[in-house]
């Protein structure tokens, strides 16, 4: 998944948590949207890598 595809899928979300209150995604500046998207992508990729590593460790045992 490219950053552009991830950004478009995340931008379709109507509401996100920000500054201790619910705000509409469209109220975010473009930089805030890009930063939020990158953070979410990094978290998703990290989780996938951790799961793969755990599965590989289980197979080795």
C-alpha atoms as a PDB file:
ATOM      1  CA  UNK A   1       0.000   0.000   0.000  1.00  0.00           C
ATOM      2  CA  UNK A   2       1.416   3.340  -0.987  1.00  0.00           C
ATOM      3  CA  UNK A   3       1.280   6.409   1.216  1.00  0.00           C
ATOM      4  CA  UNK A   4      -1.187   7.991  -1.210  1.00  0.00           C
ATOM      5  CA  UNK A   5      -3.558   5.010  -1.013  1.00  0.00           C
ATOM      6  CA  UNK A   6      -3.312   4.876   2.759  1.00  0.00           C
ATOM      7  CA  UNK A   7      -3.890   8.608   2.966  1.00  0.00           C
ATOM      8  CA  UNK A   8      -7.006   8.411   0.808  1.00  0.00           C
ATOM      9  CA  UNK A   9      -8.433   5.528   2.840  1.00  0.00           C
ATOM     10  CA  UNK A  10      -7.756   7.275   6.135  1.00  0.00           C
ATOM     11  CA  UNK A  11      -9.085  10.589   4.854  1.00  0.00           C
ATOM     12  CA  UNK A  12     -12.421   8.899   4.243  1.00  0.00           C
ATOM     13  CA  UNK A  13     -12.806   8.548   8.004  1.00  0.00           C
ATOM     14  CA  UNK A  14     -15.181  11.162   9.337  1.00  0.00           C
ATOM     15  CA  UNK A  15     -13.974  11.552  12.914  1.00  0.00           C
ATOM     16  CA  UNK A  16     -10.617  11.163  14.670  1.00  0.00           C
ATOM     17  CA  UNK A  17      -9.388  11.868  18.196  1.00  0.00           C
ATOM     18  CA  UNK A  18      -7.291  15.016  18.457  1.00  0.00           C
ATOM     19  CA  UNK A  19      -6.541  17.556  21.196  1.00  0.00           C
ATOM     20  CA  UNK A  20      -8.793  15.754  23.734  1.00  0.00           C
ATOM     21  CA  UNK A  21     -11.945  16.294  21.698  1.00  0.00           C
ATOM     22  CA  UNK A  22     -13.586  14.827  18.625  1.00  0.00           C
ATOM     23  CA  UNK A  23     -12.935  16.837  15.486  1.00  0.00           C
ATOM     24  CA  UNK A  24     -13.708  16.177  11.870  1.00  0.00           C
ATOM     25  CA  UNK A  25     -10.834  14.882   9.772  1.00  0.00           C
ATOM     26  CA  UNK A  26     -11.506  17.648   7.244  1.00  0.00           C
ATOM     27  CA  UNK A  27     -10.646  20.264   9.894  1.00  0.00           C
ATOM     28  CA  UNK A  28      -7.070  18.967  10.054  1.00  0.00           C
ATOM     29  CA  UNK A  29      -4.480  20.858   8.074  1.00  0.00           C
ATOM     30  CA  UNK A  30      -2.825  18.903   5.282  1.00  0.00           C
ATOM     31  CA  UNK A  31       0.360  18.538   7.361  1.00  0.00           C
ATOM     32  CA  UNK A  32      -1.614  17.171  10.323  1.00  0.00           C
ATOM     33  CA  UNK A  33      -3.339  14.668   8.030  1.00  0.00           C
ATOM     34  CA  UNK A  34      -0.037  13.533   6.517  1.00  0.00           C
ATOM     35  CA  UNK A  35       1.601  13.210   9.937  1.00  0.00           C
ATOM     36  CA  UNK A  36      -1.330  11.245  11.338  1.00  0.00           C
ATOM     37  CA  UNK A  37      -1.331   8.978   8.288  1.00  0.00           C
ATOM     38  CA  UNK A  38       2.402   8.321   8.542  1.00  0.00           C
ATOM     39  CA  UNK A  39       2.143   7.512  12.258  1.00  0.00           C
ATOM     40  CA  UNK A  40      -0.708   5.067  11.624  1.00  0.00           C
ATOM     41  CA  UNK A  41       1.189   3.434   8.758  1.00  0.00           C
ATOM     42  CA  UNK A  42       4.320   3.037  10.870  1.00  0.00           C
ATOM     43  CA  UNK A  43       2.250   1.431  13.631  1.00  0.00           C
ATOM     44  CA  UNK A  44       0.545  -0.957  11.190  1.00  0.00           C
ATOM     45  CA  UNK A  45       3.818  -1.976   9.550  1.00  0.00           C
ATOM     46  CA  UNK A  46       5.497  -2.433  12.939  1.00  0.00           C
ATOM     47  CA  UNK A  47       2.677  -4.674  14.150  1.00  0.00           C
ATOM     48  CA  UNK A  48       2.882  -6.797  10.997  1.00  0.00           C
ATOM     49  CA  UNK A  49       6.648  -7.176  11.324  1.00  0.00           C
ATOM     50  CA  UNK A  50       6.366  -8.145  14.995  1.00  0.00           C
ATOM     51  CA  UNK A  51       3.725 -10.769  14.169  1.00  0.00           C
ATOM     52  CA  UNK A  52       5.892 -12.213  11.371  1.00  0.00           C
ATOM     53  CA  UNK A  53       8.903 -12.325  13.669  1.00  0.00           C
ATOM     54  CA  UNK A  54       6.900 -14.050  16.408  1.00  0.00           C
ATOM     55  CA  UNK A  55       5.593 -16.624  13.931  1.00  0.00           C
ATOM     56  CA  UNK A  56       9.112 -17.273  12.654  1.00  0.00           C
ATOM     57  CA  UNK A  57      10.355 -17.760  16.211  1.00  0.00           C
ATOM     58  CA  UNK A  58       7.563 -20.252  16.922  1.00  0.00           C
ATOM     59  CA  UNK A  59       8.371 -22.235  13.775  1.00  0.00           C
ATOM     60  CA  UNK A  60      12.043 -22.475  14.739  1.00  0.00           C
ATOM     61  CA  UNK A  61      11.242 -24.018  18.128  1.00  0.00           C
END
